[in-house]
PDB file of N, CA and C in Angstrom:
ATOM      1  N   MET A   1     -31.411  15.888   8.625  1.00  0.00           N
ATOM      2  CA  MET A   1     -30.193  16.109   8.533  1.00  0.00           C
ATOM      3  C   MET A   1     -30.428  17.651   8.750  1.00  0.00           C
ATOM      4  N   LYS A   2     -29.610  17.677   9.874  1.00  0.00           N
ATOM      5  CA  LYS A   2     -29.855  19.324  10.372  1.00  0.00           C
ATOM      6  C   LYS A   2     -28.751  19.890   9.397  1.00  0.00           C
ATOM      7  N   GLU A   3     -28.736  21.819   9.368  1.00  0.00           N
ATOM      8  CA  GLU A   3     -28.508  22.134   7.952  1.00  0.00           C
ATOM      9  C   GLU A   3     -26.850  22.372   8.579  1.00  0.00           C
ATOM     10  N   SER A   4     -26.598  22.680   9.968  1.00  0.00           N
ATOM     11  CA  SER A   4     -25.656  22.470  10.839  1.00  0.00           C
ATOM     12  C   SER A   4     -24.299  21.790  10.192  1.00  0.00           C
ATOM     13  N   LYS A   5     -25.111  20.306   9.787  1.00  0.00           N
ATOM     14  CA  LYS A   5     -24.576  18.870   9.806  1.00  0.00           C
ATOM     15  C   LYS A   5     -24.235  18.703   8.310  1.00  0.00           C
ATOM     16  N   LEU A   6     -25.129  19.364   7.607  1.00  0.00           N
ATOM     17  CA  LEU A   6     -24.857  19.211   6.307  1.00  0.00           C
ATOM     18  C   LEU A   6     -23.978  20.377   5.966  1.00  0.00           C
ATOM     19  N   ILE A   7     -23.772  21.687   6.152  1.00  0.00           N
ATOM     20  CA  ILE A   7     -22.343  22.298   6.253  1.00  0.00           C
ATOM     21  C   ILE A   7     -21.505  21.702   6.982  1.00  0.00           C
ATOM     22  N   LEU A   8     -21.100  21.077   7.866  1.00  0.00           N
ATOM     23  CA  LEU A   8     -19.906  20.458   8.464  1.00  0.00           C
ATOM     24  C   LEU A   8     -19.750  19.442   7.259  1.00  0.00           C
ATOM     25  N   MET A   9     -20.332  18.396   6.895  1.00  0.00           N
ATOM     26  CA  MET A   9     -20.141  17.169   5.660  1.00  0.00           C
ATOM     27  C   MET A   9     -19.782  17.749   4.584  1.00  0.00           C
ATOM     28  N   ALA A  10     -20.290  18.992   4.029  1.00  0.00           N
ATOM     29  CA  ALA A  10     -19.390  19.659   2.740  1.00  0.00           C
ATOM     30  C   ALA A  10     -17.981  20.396   3.316  1.00  0.00           C
ATOM     31  N   LYS A  11     -18.081  21.040   4.308  1.00  0.00           N
ATOM     32  CA  LYS A  11     -17.010  21.129   4.423  1.00  0.00           C
ATOM     33  C   LYS A  11     -15.444  20.242   4.393  1.00  0.00           C
ATOM     34  N   ASN A  12     -16.153  19.080   4.936  1.00  0.00           N
ATOM     35  CA  ASN A  12     -15.611  18.231   5.122  1.00  0.00           C
ATOM     36  C   ASN A  12     -14.735  17.598   4.057  1.00  0.00           C
ATOM     37  N   VAL A  13     -15.763  17.516   2.747  1.00  0.00           N
ATOM     38  CA  VAL A  13     -15.773  16.754   1.464  1.00  0.00           C
ATOM     39  C   VAL A  13     -14.873  17.714   0.556  1.00  0.00           C
ATOM     40  N   LEU A  14     -14.863  19.250   0.866  1.00  0.00           N
ATOM     41  CA  LEU A  14     -13.879  20.257   0.064  1.00  0.00           C
ATOM     42  C   LEU A  14     -12.017  19.899   0.966  1.00  0.00           C
ATOM     43  N   ARG A  15     -12.439  19.545   2.162  1.00  0.00           N
ATOM     44  CA  ARG A  15     -11.045  19.256   2.297  1.00  0.00           C
ATOM     45  C   ARG A  15     -10.657  17.965   2.183  1.00  0.00           C
ATOM     46  N   LEU A  16     -11.279  17.234   1.704  1.00  0.00           N
ATOM     47  CA  LEU A  16     -11.194  15.667   1.292  1.00  0.00           C
ATOM     48  C   LEU A  16     -10.813  16.237  -0.124  1.00  0.00           C
ATOM     49  N   GLU A  17     -10.964  16.485  -1.013  1.00  0.00           N
ATOM     50  CA  GLU A  17     -11.198  16.899  -2.517  1.00  0.00           C
ATOM     51  C   GLU A  17      -9.424  17.854  -2.440  1.00  0.00           C
ATOM     52  N   GLU A  18      -9.489  18.458  -1.789  1.00  0.00           N
ATOM     53  CA  GLU A  18      -8.219  19.659  -1.760  1.00  0.00           C
ATOM     54  C   GLU A  18      -6.940  18.438  -0.983  1.00  0.00           C
ATOM     55  N   THR A  19      -6.975  17.625  -0.156  1.00  0.00           N
ATOM     56  CA  THR A  19      -6.013  16.596   0.175  1.00  0.00           C
ATOM     57  C   THR A  19      -5.392  16.046  -1.200  1.00  0.00           C
ATOM     58  N   VAL A  20      -6.748  15.047  -1.893  1.00  0.00           N
ATOM     59  CA  VAL A  20      -6.360  14.522  -3.381  1.00  0.00           C
ATOM     60  C   VAL A  20      -5.712  15.432  -4.038  1.00  0.00           C
ATOM     61  N   ASP A  21      -6.156  16.447  -4.560  1.00  0.00           N
ATOM     62  CA  ASP A  21      -5.780  16.961  -5.547  1.00  0.00           C
ATOM     63  C   ASP A  21      -4.564  17.417  -5.410  1.00  0.00           C
ATOM     64  N   THR A  22      -3.652  17.549  -3.966  1.00  0.00           N
ATOM     65  CA  THR A  22      -2.331  17.856  -3.302  1.00  0.00           C
ATOM     66  C   THR A  22      -1.722  15.939  -3.632  1.00  0.00           C
ATOM     67  N   LEU A  23      -2.243  15.431  -3.290  1.00  0.00           N
ATOM     68  CA  LEU A  23      -1.503  14.333  -3.352  1.00  0.00           C
ATOM     69  C   LEU A  23      -1.636  13.599  -4.833  1.00  0.00           C
ATOM     70  N   ILE A  24      -2.107  13.876  -5.651  1.00  0.00           N
ATOM     71  CA  ILE A  24      -2.301  13.539  -6.990  1.00  0.00           C
ATOM     72  C   ILE A  24      -1.290  14.786  -7.713  1.00  0.00           C
ATOM     73  N   ARG A  25      -0.501  15.643  -7.545  1.00  0.00           N
ATOM     74  CA  ARG A  25       0.270  16.474  -8.007  1.00  0.00           C
ATOM     75  C   ARG A  25       1.364  16.148  -7.001  1.00  0.00           C
ATOM     76  N   GLU A  26       1.318  15.702  -5.830  1.00  0.00           N
ATOM     77  CA  GLU A  26       2.571  14.921  -5.249  1.00  0.00           C
ATOM     78  C   GLU A  26       3.048  13.531  -5.893  1.00  0.00           C
ATOM     79  N   LEU A  27       1.974  13.139  -6.551  1.00  0.00           N
ATOM     80  CA  LEU A  27       2.442  12.018  -7.426  1.00  0.00           C
ATOM     81  C   LEU A  27       2.878  12.088  -8.716  1.00  0.00           C
ATOM     82  N   MET A  28       2.720  13.195  -9.268  1.00  0.00           N
ATOM     83  CA  MET A  28       3.096  13.401 -10.695  1.00  0.00           C
ATOM     84  C   MET A  28       4.356  14.392 -10.210  1.00  0.00           C
ATOM     85  N   ARG A  29       4.489  14.731  -9.693  1.00  0.00           N
ATOM     86  CA  ARG A  29       5.708  15.135  -9.368  1.00  0.00           C
ATOM     87  C   ARG A  29       7.031  14.199  -8.964  1.00  0.00           C
ATOM     88  N   THR A  30       6.563  13.379  -8.059  1.00  0.00           N
ATOM     89  CA  THR A  30       7.739  12.092  -8.033  1.00  0.00           C
ATOM     90  C   THR A  30       7.516  11.494  -9.423  1.00  0.00           C
ATOM     91  N   GLN A  31       6.578  11.300 -10.137  1.00  0.00           N
ATOM     92  CA  GLN A  31       6.635  10.446 -10.711  1.00  0.00           C
ATOM     93  C   GLN A  31       7.875  10.915 -12.097  1.00  0.00           C
ATOM     94  N   ASN A  32       7.689  12.372 -12.159  1.00  0.00           N
ATOM     95  CA  ASN A  32       8.630  13.095 -12.962  1.00  0.00           C
ATOM     96  C   ASN A  32      10.143  13.064 -12.722  1.00  0.00           C
ATOM     97  N   ILE A  33      10.470  13.343 -10.966  1.00  0.00           N
ATOM     98  CA  ILE A  33      11.796  12.521 -10.307  1.00  0.00           C
ATOM     99  C   ILE A  33      12.099  11.683 -10.914  1.00  0.00           C
ATOM    100  N   GLN A  34      11.307  10.367 -10.785  1.00  0.00           N
ATOM    101  CA  GLN A  34      11.767   9.240 -10.682  1.00  0.00           C
ATOM    102  C   GLN A  34      12.458   9.017 -12.438  1.00  0.00           C
ATOM    103  N   MET A  35      11.506   9.590 -13.570  1.00  0.00           N
ATOM    104  CA  MET A  35      11.869   9.326 -14.992  1.00  0.00           C
ATOM    105  C   MET A  35      13.165  10.251 -15.115  1.00  0.00           C
ATOM    106  N   GLY A  36      13.411  11.139 -14.648  1.00  0.00           N
ATOM    107  CA  GLY A  36      14.723  11.890 -14.597  1.00  0.00           C
ATOM    108  C   GLY A  36      16.000  11.060 -14.485  1.00  0.00           C
ATOM    109  N   ILE A  37      15.579  10.438 -13.127  1.00  0.00           N
ATOM    110  CA  ILE A  37      16.373   9.880 -12.582  1.00  0.00           C
ATOM    111  C   ILE A  37      16.758   8.350 -13.530  1.00  0.00           C
ATOM    112  N   LEU A  38      16.034   8.007 -13.552  1.00  0.00           N
ATOM    113  CA  LEU A  38      16.576   6.912 -14.923  1.00  0.00           C
ATOM    114  C   LEU A  38      17.133   7.232 -16.122  1.00  0.00           C
ATOM    115  N   GLU A  39      16.382   8.333 -16.452  1.00  0.00           N
ATOM    116  CA  GLU A  39      17.271   8.570 -17.679  1.00  0.00           C
ATOM    117  C   GLU A  39      18.552   9.013 -17.588  1.00  0.00           C
ATOM    118  N   THR A  40      18.714   9.556 -16.305  1.00  0.00           N
ATOM    119  CA  THR A  40      19.941  10.168 -15.641  1.00  0.00           C
ATOM    120  C   THR A  40      21.063   8.527 -15.870  1.00  0.00           C
ATOM    121  N   MET A  41      20.916   7.688 -15.166  1.00  0.00           N
ATOM    122  CA  MET A  41      21.156   6.392 -14.683  1.00  0.00           C
ATOM    123  C   MET A  41      21.266   5.660 -16.385  1.00  0.00           C
ATOM    124  N   LYS A  42      20.838   5.627 -16.876  1.00  0.00           N
ATOM    125  CA  LYS A  42      20.807   5.026 -18.156  1.00  0.00           C
ATOM    126  C   LYS A  42      21.988   6.163 -19.346  1.00  0.00           C
ATOM    127  N   ARG A  43      22.357   6.850 -19.224  1.00  0.00           N
ATOM    128  CA  ARG A  43      23.294   7.717 -19.257  1.00  0.00           C
ATOM    129  C   ARG A  43      25.049   7.645 -18.308  1.00  0.00           C
ATOM    130  N   MET A  44      24.577   6.721 -17.516  1.00  0.00           N
ATOM    131  CA  MET A  44      25.820   6.812 -16.848  1.00  0.00           C
ATOM    132  C   MET A  44      26.989   5.711 -17.520  1.00  0.00           C
ATOM    133  N   PRO A  45      28.157   5.785 -17.057  1.00  0.00           N
ATOM    134  CA  PRO A  45      29.220   4.622 -17.819  1.00  0.00           C
ATOM    135  C   PRO A  45      28.756   3.248 -17.176  1.00  0.00           C
ATOM    136  N   ASP A  46      28.793   2.008 -17.871  1.00  0.00           N
ATOM    137  CA  ASP A  46      28.758   0.931 -17.019  1.00  0.00           C
ATOM    138  C   ASP A  46      27.278   0.635 -16.731  1.00  0.00           C
ATOM    139  N   TYR A  47      26.419   1.273 -17.206  1.00  0.00           N
ATOM    140  CA  TYR A  47      24.741   1.406 -16.794  1.00  0.00           C
ATOM    141  C   TYR A  47      24.088  -0.256 -17.224  1.00  0.00           C
ATOM    142  N   GLN A  48      24.236  -0.551 -18.581  1.00  0.00           N
ATOM    143  CA  GLN A  48      24.200  -2.013 -19.242  1.00  0.00           C
ATOM    144  C   GLN A  48      24.835  -2.678 -18.060  1.00  0.00           C
ATOM    145  N   GLU A  49      26.288  -2.941 -18.338  1.00  0.00           N
ATOM    146  CA  GLU A  49      26.682  -4.487 -17.467  1.00  0.00           C
ATOM    147  C   GLU A  49      25.938  -3.964 -15.632  1.00  0.00           C
ATOM    148  N   ALA A  50      25.493  -3.135 -15.333  1.00  0.00           N
ATOM    149  CA  ALA A  50      25.001  -3.137 -13.530  1.00  0.00           C
ATOM    150  C   ALA A  50      23.624  -3.524 -14.207  1.00  0.00           C
ATOM    151  N   LEU A  51      23.159  -2.906 -14.890  1.00  0.00           N
ATOM    152  CA  LEU A  51      21.522  -3.812 -15.689  1.00  0.00           C
ATOM    153  C   LEU A  51      21.836  -5.157 -15.735  1.00  0.00           C
ATOM    154  N   ASP A  52      22.687  -5.801 -16.269  1.00  0.00           N
ATOM    155  CA  ASP A  52      22.596  -7.317 -16.957  1.00  0.00           C
ATOM    156  C   ASP A  52      23.130  -7.624 -15.272  1.00  0.00           C
ATOM    157  N   LYS A  53      23.516  -7.411 -14.450  1.00  0.00           N
ATOM    158  CA  LYS A  53      23.855  -7.747 -13.509  1.00  0.00           C
ATOM    159  C   LYS A  53      23.274  -8.322 -12.205  1.00  0.00           C
ATOM    160  N   LEU A  54      22.307  -7.043 -12.876  1.00  0.00           N
ATOM    161  CA  LEU A  54      21.157  -7.176 -11.507  1.00  0.00           C
ATOM    162  C   LEU A  54      20.271  -8.138 -12.352  1.00  0.00           C
ATOM    163  N   LYS A  55      19.843  -8.065 -13.568  1.00  0.00           N
ATOM    164  CA  LYS A  55      18.831  -9.317 -13.971  1.00  0.00           C
ATOM    165  C   LYS A  55      19.445 -10.872 -13.965  1.00  0.00           C
ATOM    166  N   LYS A  56      20.664 -11.014 -13.753  1.00  0.00           N
ATOM    167  CA  LYS A  56      21.426 -11.919 -13.797  1.00  0.00           C
ATOM    168  C   LYS A  56      21.286 -12.488 -12.009  1.00  0.00           C
ATOM    169  N   ASP A  57      21.378 -11.675 -11.081  1.00  0.00           N
ATOM    170  CA  ASP A  57      21.308 -11.806  -9.666  1.00  0.00           C
ATOM    171  C   ASP A  57      19.761 -11.990  -8.952  1.00  0.00           C
ATOM    172  N   ASN A  58      19.075 -11.276 -10.034  1.00  0.00           N
ATOM    173  CA  ASN A  58      17.293 -11.500  -9.939  1.00  0.00           C
ATOM    174  C   ASN A  58      16.935 -13.119 -10.408  1.00  0.00           C
ATOM    175  N   ALA A  59      17.564 -13.388 -11.780  1.00  0.00           N
ATOM    176  CA  ALA A  59      17.165 -14.789 -11.799  1.00  0.00           C
ATOM    177  C   ALA A  59      17.943 -15.971 -11.060  1.00  0.00           C
ATOM    178  N   GLU A  60      19.070 -15.970 -10.255  1.00  0.00           N
ATOM    179  CA  GLU A  60      19.718 -16.779  -9.194  1.00  0.00           C
ATOM    180  C   GLU A  60      18.529 -16.539  -8.280  1.00  0.00           C
ATOM    181  N   ALA A  61      18.012 -15.218  -7.721  1.00  0.00           N
ATOM    182  CA  ALA A  61      17.110 -15.547  -6.324  1.00  0.00           C
ATOM    183  C   ALA A  61      15.904 -16.240  -6.929  1.00  0.00           C
ATOM    184  N   GLU A  62      15.655 -15.989  -8.324  1.00  0.00           N
ATOM    185  CA  GLU A  62      14.275 -16.988  -8.667  1.00  0.00           C
ATOM    186  C   GLU A  62      14.249 -18.302  -8.802  1.00  0.00           C
ATOM    187  N   LYS A  63      15.668 -18.619  -8.787  1.00  0.00           N
ATOM    188  CA  LYS A  63      15.717 -19.676  -9.254  1.00  0.00           C
ATOM    189  C   LYS A  63      15.614 -20.520  -7.596  1.00  0.00           C
ATOM    190  N   GLU A  64      16.891 -19.968  -6.792  1.00  0.00           N
ATOM    191  CA  GLU A  64      16.696 -20.421  -5.176  1.00  0.00           C
ATOM    192  C   GLU A  64      15.869 -20.461  -4.775  1.00  0.00           C
ATOM    193  N   LYS A  65      14.861 -19.763  -4.945  1.00  0.00           N
ATOM    194  CA  LYS A  65      13.489 -19.298  -4.749  1.00  0.00           C
ATOM    195  C   LYS A  65      12.338 -20.709  -4.628  1.00  0.00           C
ATOM    196  N   ASN A  66      12.614 -21.063  -6.198  1.00  0.00           N
ATOM    197  CA  ASN A  66      11.958 -22.357  -6.475  1.00  0.00           C
ATOM    198  C   ASN A  66      12.508 -23.427  -6.022  1.00  0.00           C
ATOM    199  N   THR A  67      13.533 -23.312  -5.322  1.00  0.00           N
ATOM    200  CA  THR A  67      14.009 -24.953  -5.231  1.00  0.00           C
ATOM    201  C   THR A  67      13.605 -25.390  -3.631  1.00  0.00           C
TER     202      THR A  67
END
């Protein structure tokens, strides 16, 4: 292989590494935001009631899907 091609491949690998690092950081940031939102929702009034309703609705949807 030519040296110029190897240099180009090395640069592309570095760019890919930077992109993956950025994606990992964004994924961690998104996960932290998601956890914060969930904890906030848990502290809201009527959270348990809404959760129970969602479970009931999901069970009914599964029942309809299976029939």
